[in-house]
Amino acid sequence: MITNKINADLVLKEPEGGIRFGTDALLLADFAKDSIKYGKCIDLGTGSGVLPLLLLGSGCNADFVGLELQKEYAEIAKENAKENGFESRFSVINGNAEDYKTLFECGRTEYVITNPPYMRSDCGFNNESKALDIARREISGGAELFCRAAAWCLKSGGSFFAVYRPDRLVNLICAMRSCGIEPKRLRAVVPSVGKKPSLILIEGKKDGKEGLIYENDLIIYKDKDHKEQTEELKSIYNRF
């Protein structure tokens, strides 16, 4: 077990050798936080619980439910909720997203957020760690499953937030639309000016009308050598 301080107030426990808290989770939390204002938010694939912790730590007023397939991570997420004083506002379910109809009530949730597995199960090399494979590869479900689960949980007009790989964005958008979640806001994360996007942040609305806002790119570094962070990225870190 590894324990790290996210900031002066938040502590995050993570399994040694497992998937670790990274920039993608931080950027997704920042992308969603001004929209998540009340009610309930479900985090599909919560891992160690970093997304709810970041959002609650930033002053978000919603209550969170994290769904996590892997028992070890689910137990750690529960510990993190308790350790940071959010036990009453962040509960964790150890379960499979495929069982969303039995795990969650239909149409009762204001928000769903997710950092889903982003690699096809047959793509690239397998990790030595099964836990890493499950977290990163669509072994136990990917964008299509997570979008179906989100659509089931969300109220009409409810919001869906995700971070995903640019090369698989079409798959995610098609999955969202097939479930009645209309893409409404999109932002590309770019390592530096002139580089291709490395991540995509997207928001959708259940039963939303057509119309997508493409926001300005979020640029990570000022220089091509990736040594100096942009002022915007620094401000995001400061907000958490």
Protein backbone atom coordinates (compact mmCIF):
# COMPACT_ATOMS: atom_id res chain seq x y z
CA MET A 1 0.00 0.00 0.00
CA ILE A 2 1.23 3.47 -0.92
CA THR A 3 -0.06 6.62 0.79
CA ASN A 4 0.31 9.99 -0.93
CA LYS A 5 -0.91 13.48 -0.12
CA ILE A 6 -2.91 14.97 -2.99
CA ASN A 7 -2.83 18.33 -1.23
CA ALA A 8 -2.68 19.72 2.29
CA ASP A 9 -6.07 18.19 3.15
CA LEU A 10 -6.46 15.04 1.02
CA VAL A 11 -4.68 11.72 1.51
CA LEU A 12 -4.86 8.96 -1.11
CA LYS A 13 -4.03 5.32 -0.46
CA GLU A 14 -3.26 3.22 -3.53
CA PRO A 15 -2.17 -0.40 -4.00
CA GLU A 16 1.52 -0.82 -4.70
CA GLY A 17 2.05 -1.89 -8.30
CA GLY A 18 -1.52 -0.98 -9.27
CA ILE A 19 -2.94 1.83 -11.36
CA ARG A 20 -2.04 5.21 -9.89
CA PHE A 21 -3.68 8.61 -9.65
CA GLY A 22 -2.70 10.66 -12.70
CA THR A 23 -3.31 13.87 -14.59
CA ASP A 24 -6.32 12.43 -16.43
CA ALA A 25 -8.32 12.13 -13.20
CA LEU A 26 -7.35 15.65 -12.11
CA LEU A 27 -8.33 17.17 -15.45
CA LEU A 28 -11.64 15.29 -15.50
CA ALA A 29 -12.46 16.48 -11.98
CA ASP A 30 -11.72 20.07 -12.99
CA PHE A 31 -13.76 19.70 -16.20
CA ALA A 32 -16.80 18.48 -14.26
CA LYS A 33 -16.64 20.27 -10.92
CA ASP A 34 -18.51 23.47 -11.82
CA SER A 35 -21.42 21.42 -13.18
CA ILE A 36 -21.75 18.97 -10.26
CA LYS A 37 -23.60 21.12 -7.76
CA TYR A 38 -26.12 18.96 -5.85
CA GLY A 39 -27.83 15.57 -5.75
CA LYS A 40 -26.01 12.33 -6.49
CA CYS A 41 -23.03 11.49 -8.68
CA ILE A 42 -22.03 7.94 -9.61
CA ASP A 43 -18.39 7.25 -10.44
CA LEU A 44 -18.20 4.19 -12.70
CA GLY A 45 -14.87 2.43 -12.18
CA THR A 46 -13.90 4.47 -9.15
CA GLY A 47 -10.59 2.68 -8.52
CA SER A 48 -9.16 4.07 -5.28
CA GLY A 49 -11.85 6.76 -5.24
CA VAL A 50 -9.73 9.65 -6.45
CA LEU A 51 -12.44 11.42 -8.52
CA PRO A 52 -14.98 11.68 -5.67
CA LEU A 53 -12.19 12.68 -3.28
CA LEU A 54 -10.99 15.47 -5.57
CA LEU A 55 -14.51 16.78 -6.14
CA LEU A 56 -15.56 16.60 -2.50
CA GLY A 57 -12.28 18.17 -1.44
CA SER A 58 -12.88 21.08 -3.81
CA GLY A 59 -16.21 21.87 -2.14
CA CYS A 60 -18.63 19.95 -4.35
CA ASN A 61 -22.06 19.59 -2.69
CA ALA A 62 -23.13 16.32 -4.32
CA ASP A 63 -23.03 12.89 -2.67
CA PHE A 64 -21.03 10.18 -4.45
CA VAL A 65 -21.35 6.48 -5.10
CA GLY A 66 -18.31 4.71 -6.54
CA LEU A 67 -18.69 1.43 -8.42
CA GLU A 68 -15.55 -0.70 -8.56
CA LEU A 69 -15.14 -4.19 -10.01
CA GLN A 70 -11.94 -5.10 -8.18
CA LYS A 71 -12.43 -5.87 -4.49
CA GLU A 72 -8.99 -4.62 -3.43
CA TYR A 73 -9.59 -1.21 -4.99
CA ALA A 74 -13.14 -1.01 -3.62
CA GLU A 75 -11.86 -1.60 -0.08
CA ILE A 76 -9.14 1.00 -0.53
CA ALA A 77 -11.70 3.51 -1.85
CA LYS A 78 -13.78 2.94 1.30
CA GLU A 79 -10.67 3.53 3.43
CA ASN A 80 -9.90 6.72 1.51
CA ALA A 81 -13.43 8.02 2.05
CA LYS A 82 -13.14 7.38 5.79
CA GLU A 83 -9.58 8.69 6.08
CA ASN A 84 -10.57 12.00 4.48
CA GLY A 85 -13.78 12.47 6.44
CA PHE A 86 -16.16 11.81 3.53
CA GLU A 87 -17.58 8.49 4.71
CA SER A 88 -21.13 9.89 4.92
CA ARG A 89 -20.96 11.38 1.41
CA PHE A 90 -18.97 8.82 -0.53
CA SER A 91 -20.07 5.18 -0.52
CA VAL A 92 -18.48 2.39 -2.54
CA ILE A 93 -20.02 -0.66 -4.22
CA ASN A 94 -17.87 -3.65 -5.16
CA GLY A 95 -19.65 -4.83 -8.29
CA ASN A 96 -19.68 -5.20 -12.06
CA ALA A 97 -21.00 -2.45 -14.32
CA GLU A 98 -22.80 -5.19 -16.28
CA ASP A 99 -25.16 -5.48 -13.31
CA TYR A 100 -26.16 -1.81 -13.42
CA LYS A 101 -29.88 -2.61 -13.53
CA THR A 102 -29.72 -4.40 -10.19
CA LEU A 103 -27.14 -2.12 -8.58
CA PHE A 104 -28.78 1.23 -9.34
CA GLU A 105 -32.27 2.68 -9.61
CA CYS A 106 -33.33 3.80 -13.07
CA GLY A 107 -33.40 7.54 -13.75
CA ARG A 108 -32.63 8.71 -10.23
CA THR A 109 -29.13 10.20 -10.59
CA GLU A 110 -28.11 13.73 -11.56
CA TYR A 111 -24.52 12.97 -12.65
CA VAL A 112 -22.32 10.11 -13.80
CA ILE A 113 -18.55 10.49 -14.13
CA THR A 114 -16.05 7.96 -15.43
CA ASN A 115 -12.46 7.37 -16.46
CA PRO A 116 -13.20 4.10 -18.29
CA PRO A 117 -10.81 1.50 -19.69
CA TYR A 118 -9.54 3.03 -22.93
CA MET A 119 -7.71 0.19 -24.70
CA ARG A 120 -9.28 -2.69 -26.61
CA SER A 121 -8.76 -6.04 -24.90
CA ASP A 122 -6.84 -7.33 -27.93
CA CYS A 123 -4.58 -4.28 -28.32
CA GLY A 124 -0.91 -4.07 -27.37
CA PHE A 125 0.90 -6.01 -24.68
CA ASN A 126 -0.74 -7.35 -21.56
CA ASN A 127 0.46 -5.92 -18.25
CA GLU A 128 2.08 -8.17 -15.69
CA SER A 129 -0.61 -7.03 -13.26
CA LYS A 130 -4.14 -8.31 -13.83
CA ALA A 131 -5.42 -5.28 -11.91
CA LEU A 132 -3.76 -2.94 -14.40
CA ASP A 133 -5.16 -4.90 -17.33
CA ILE A 134 -8.71 -4.65 -15.97
CA ALA A 135 -8.33 -0.91 -15.30
CA ARG A 136 -6.85 -0.06 -18.71
CA ARG A 137 -8.32 -2.62 -21.11
CA GLU A 138 -11.90 -3.44 -22.03
CA ILE A 139 -11.64 -6.89 -20.46
CA SER A 140 -14.70 -6.39 -18.27
CA GLY A 141 -16.44 -3.75 -20.38
CA GLY A 142 -15.60 -0.45 -22.00
CA ALA A 143 -17.24 2.71 -23.28
CA GLU A 144 -20.36 0.99 -24.59
CA LEU A 145 -21.12 -0.71 -21.27
CA PHE A 146 -20.31 2.38 -19.22
CA CYS A 147 -22.58 4.53 -21.41
CA ARG A 148 -25.45 2.05 -21.07
CA ALA A 149 -25.00 2.06 -17.31
CA ALA A 150 -24.85 5.85 -17.23
CA ALA A 151 -28.00 6.19 -19.34
CA TRP A 152 -29.84 3.82 -16.99
CA CYS A 153 -28.80 5.76 -13.89
CA LEU A 154 -29.28 9.32 -15.15
CA LYS A 155 -32.38 11.43 -14.90
CA SER A 156 -33.54 13.11 -18.10
CA GLY A 157 -31.25 16.12 -18.44
CA GLY A 158 -28.63 14.53 -16.22
CA SER A 159 -24.95 14.97 -17.07
CA PHE A 160 -22.31 12.43 -18.09
CA PHE A 161 -18.59 13.23 -17.87
CA ALA A 162 -15.71 11.18 -19.22
CA VAL A 163 -12.04 11.32 -20.16
CA TYR A 164 -10.95 9.21 -23.12
CA ARG A 165 -8.33 8.67 -25.79
CA PRO A 166 -8.61 10.84 -28.93
CA ASP A 167 -8.09 7.93 -31.31
CA ARG A 168 -11.16 6.20 -29.85
CA LEU A 169 -13.37 9.27 -29.51
CA VAL A 170 -15.72 8.14 -32.29
CA ASN A 171 -16.42 4.93 -30.35
CA LEU A 172 -17.32 6.92 -27.25
CA ILE A 173 -19.56 9.41 -29.05
CA CYS A 174 -21.37 6.61 -30.90
CA ALA A 175 -21.86 4.78 -27.60
CA MET A 176 -23.21 7.92 -25.94
CA ARG A 177 -25.67 8.68 -28.72
CA SER A 178 -26.88 5.09 -28.97
CA CYS A 179 -27.88 5.33 -25.30
CA GLY A 180 -29.59 8.71 -25.58
CA ILE A 181 -26.71 10.74 -24.13
CA GLU A 182 -26.06 13.70 -26.42
CA PRO A 183 -22.50 15.11 -26.51
CA LYS A 184 -22.72 18.76 -25.42
CA ARG A 185 -19.20 19.89 -24.49
CA LEU A 186 -15.75 18.70 -25.56
CA ARG A 187 -12.21 19.77 -24.74
CA ALA A 188 -8.95 18.38 -26.08
CA VAL A 189 -5.89 18.10 -23.85
CA VAL A 190 -2.71 18.92 -25.79
CA PRO A 191 0.87 18.36 -24.50
CA SER A 192 2.12 21.59 -26.12
CA VAL A 193 1.24 23.95 -28.98
CA GLY A 194 1.34 22.16 -32.32
CA LYS A 195 1.08 18.68 -30.82
CA LYS A 196 -1.78 16.24 -31.29
CA PRO A 197 -4.27 15.84 -28.41
CA SER A 198 -3.39 13.23 -25.80
CA LEU A 199 -6.75 13.16 -24.01
CA ILE A 200 -10.35 14.19 -24.63
CA LEU A 201 -12.72 15.52 -21.96
CA ILE A 202 -16.40 15.23 -22.82
CA GLU A 203 -19.76 16.07 -21.25
CA GLY A 204 -23.10 14.72 -22.43
CA LYS A 205 -26.74 15.23 -21.46
CA LYS A 206 -29.30 12.46 -21.26
CA ASP A 207 -32.11 13.31 -23.72
CA GLY A 208 -30.19 16.46 -24.64
CA LYS A 209 -30.75 18.40 -27.85
CA GLU A 210 -28.17 18.42 -30.63
CA GLY A 211 -25.42 21.03 -30.31
CA LEU A 212 -21.79 20.58 -29.27
CA ILE A 213 -19.52 23.25 -27.77
CA TYR A 214 -15.84 22.68 -28.61
CA GLU A 215 -13.85 24.48 -25.94
CA ASN A 216 -10.34 25.85 -26.33
CA ASP A 217 -7.61 23.24 -26.06
CA LEU A 218 -6.12 22.68 -22.63
CA ILE A 219 -2.37 22.99 -23.18
CA ILE A 220 -0.15 21.28 -20.61
CA TYR A 221 3.32 22.72 -21.30
CA LYS A 222 4.55 26.10 -22.53
CA ASP A 223 7.58 24.63 -24.25
CA LYS A 224 8.17 21.78 -26.68
CA ASP A 225 10.59 20.14 -24.25
CA HIS A 226 7.73 19.80 -21.75
CA LYS A 227 9.61 21.35 -18.86
CA GLU A 228 7.41 24.33 -17.91
CA GLN A 229 3.70 23.93 -17.19
CA THR A 230 1.19 26.45 -18.53
CA GLU A 231 -0.49 28.89 -16.17
CA GLU A 232 -3.82 27.16 -16.76
CA LEU A 233 -2.49 23.78 -15.65
CA LYS A 234 -0.90 25.39 -12.59
CA SER A 235 -4.25 26.99 -11.73
CA ILE A 236 -5.98 23.60 -12.02
CA TYR A 237 -3.52 22.09 -9.55
CA ASN A 238 -4.10 25.05 -7.24
CA ARG A 239 -7.87 24.50 -7.33
CA PHE A 240 -7.37 21.06 -5.86
